[in-house]
Amino acid sequence: MRLGYPEFFLLYAGALAFHDLRWSIGIATASCAFAFLRFALEVQAKKEKKEELESTAQLLNEQAEELGQALTKLFSSLKSDVNKTKTKKYDGPLH
């Protein structure tokens, strides 16, 4: 568990409760608000990171598909060139 300012404010509010209850409740409320804001920011950052990873994976998949199509075109043209050269290799008379 990480102890930050909101947690220390809450501890201070607990100690202050013996002297002045109104100030203690006010500080405890502010502490809870700060803790909630920190939690919300962390959740938002995790959500953005997850969306960034998903978009990166989608982009990589699209690029891999384009590469596959390009390689297919390249190898199919090479295969047809190889087939043409094989048939032309033995054009002479057979003995």
Protein backbone atom coordinates (compact mmCIF):
# COMPACT_ATOMS: atom_id res chain seq x y z
CA MET A 1 0.00 0.00 0.00
CA ARG A 2 1.25 3.43 -0.88
CA LEU A 3 0.98 6.20 1.67
CA GLY A 4 0.53 9.60 0.08
CA TYR A 5 -0.80 12.99 1.13
CA PRO A 6 -4.44 11.87 1.42
CA GLU A 7 -3.52 9.10 3.84
CA PHE A 8 -1.41 11.44 5.97
CA PHE A 9 -4.25 14.00 5.95
CA LEU A 10 -6.57 11.27 7.20
CA LEU A 11 -4.15 10.36 10.00
CA TYR A 12 -3.86 14.03 10.90
CA ALA A 13 -7.66 14.32 10.92
CA GLY A 14 -7.81 11.38 13.32
CA ALA A 15 -5.34 13.03 15.66
CA LEU A 16 -7.13 16.37 15.34
CA ALA A 17 -10.47 14.74 16.24
CA PHE A 18 -9.45 14.91 19.92
CA HIS A 19 -9.18 18.72 19.72
CA ASP A 20 -11.74 19.95 17.18
CA LEU A 21 -14.24 17.63 15.54
CA ARG A 22 -15.37 20.07 12.84
CA TRP A 23 -11.85 20.64 11.50
CA SER A 24 -11.18 16.92 11.72
CA ILE A 25 -14.26 16.07 9.63
CA GLY A 26 -13.34 18.75 7.09
CA ILE A 27 -9.80 17.47 6.72
CA ALA A 28 -11.02 13.86 6.53
CA THR A 29 -13.49 14.83 3.77
CA ALA A 30 -10.74 16.61 1.82
CA SER A 31 -8.51 13.58 2.30
CA CYS A 32 -11.17 11.26 0.88
CA ALA A 33 -11.72 13.61 -2.07
CA PHE A 34 -7.98 13.69 -2.82
CA ALA A 35 -7.76 9.90 -2.58
CA PHE A 36 -10.72 9.52 -4.96
CA LEU A 37 -9.17 11.93 -7.45
CA ARG A 38 -5.88 10.05 -7.35
CA PHE A 39 -7.70 6.76 -7.90
CA ALA A 40 -9.67 8.23 -10.82
CA LEU A 41 -6.48 9.50 -12.46
CA GLU A 42 -4.82 6.10 -12.10
CA VAL A 43 -7.83 4.32 -13.63
CA GLN A 44 -7.89 6.80 -16.52
CA ALA A 45 -4.18 6.31 -17.17
CA LYS A 46 -4.62 2.52 -17.22
CA LYS A 47 -7.56 2.85 -19.59
CA GLU A 48 -5.58 5.10 -21.96
CA LYS A 49 -2.63 2.70 -21.90
CA LYS A 50 -4.92 -0.24 -22.70
CA GLU A 51 -6.50 1.66 -25.61
CA GLU A 52 -3.03 2.62 -26.89
CA LEU A 53 -1.91 -1.02 -26.79
CA GLU A 54 -5.05 -2.12 -28.64
CA SER A 55 -4.59 0.50 -31.35
CA THR A 56 -0.92 -0.44 -31.71
CA ALA A 57 -1.82 -4.12 -32.05
CA GLN A 58 -4.46 -3.27 -34.65
CA LEU A 59 -1.97 -1.18 -36.62
CA LEU A 60 0.61 -3.98 -36.52
CA ASN A 61 -1.99 -6.50 -37.71
CA GLU A 62 -2.94 -4.24 -40.61
CA GLN A 63 0.69 -3.76 -41.59
CA ALA A 64 1.36 -7.50 -41.37
CA GLU A 65 -1.62 -8.14 -43.64
CA GLU A 66 -0.33 -5.59 -46.16
CA LEU A 67 3.11 -7.20 -46.04
CA GLY A 68 1.58 -10.62 -46.62
CA GLN A 69 -0.34 -9.36 -49.64
CA ALA A 70 2.79 -7.72 -51.07
CA LEU A 71 4.85 -10.88 -50.56
CA THR A 72 2.11 -12.97 -52.16
CA LYS A 73 2.15 -10.75 -55.25
CA LEU A 74 5.95 -10.82 -55.37
CA PHE A 75 6.27 -14.59 -55.03
CA SER A 76 3.42 -15.30 -57.46
CA SER A 77 5.14 -13.21 -60.12
CA LEU A 78 8.47 -14.95 -59.39
CA LYS A 79 6.81 -18.34 -59.63
CA SER A 80 5.34 -17.51 -63.02
CA ASP A 81 8.75 -16.25 -64.19
CA VAL A 82 10.39 -19.49 -63.02
CA ASN A 83 7.76 -21.57 -64.83
CA LYS A 84 8.37 -19.62 -68.06
CA THR A 85 12.13 -20.13 -67.86
CA LYS A 86 11.74 -23.87 -67.23
CA THR A 87 9.68 -24.34 -70.38
CA LYS A 88 12.07 -22.28 -72.49
CA LYS A 89 15.17 -24.09 -71.23
CA TYR A 90 14.80 -27.14 -73.50
CA ASP A 91 13.73 -25.61 -76.79
CA GLY A 92 16.33 -27.49 -78.82
CA PRO A 93 15.78 -30.79 -80.69
CA LEU A 94 15.63 -33.94 -78.64
CA HIS A 95 17.90 -36.87 -79.57
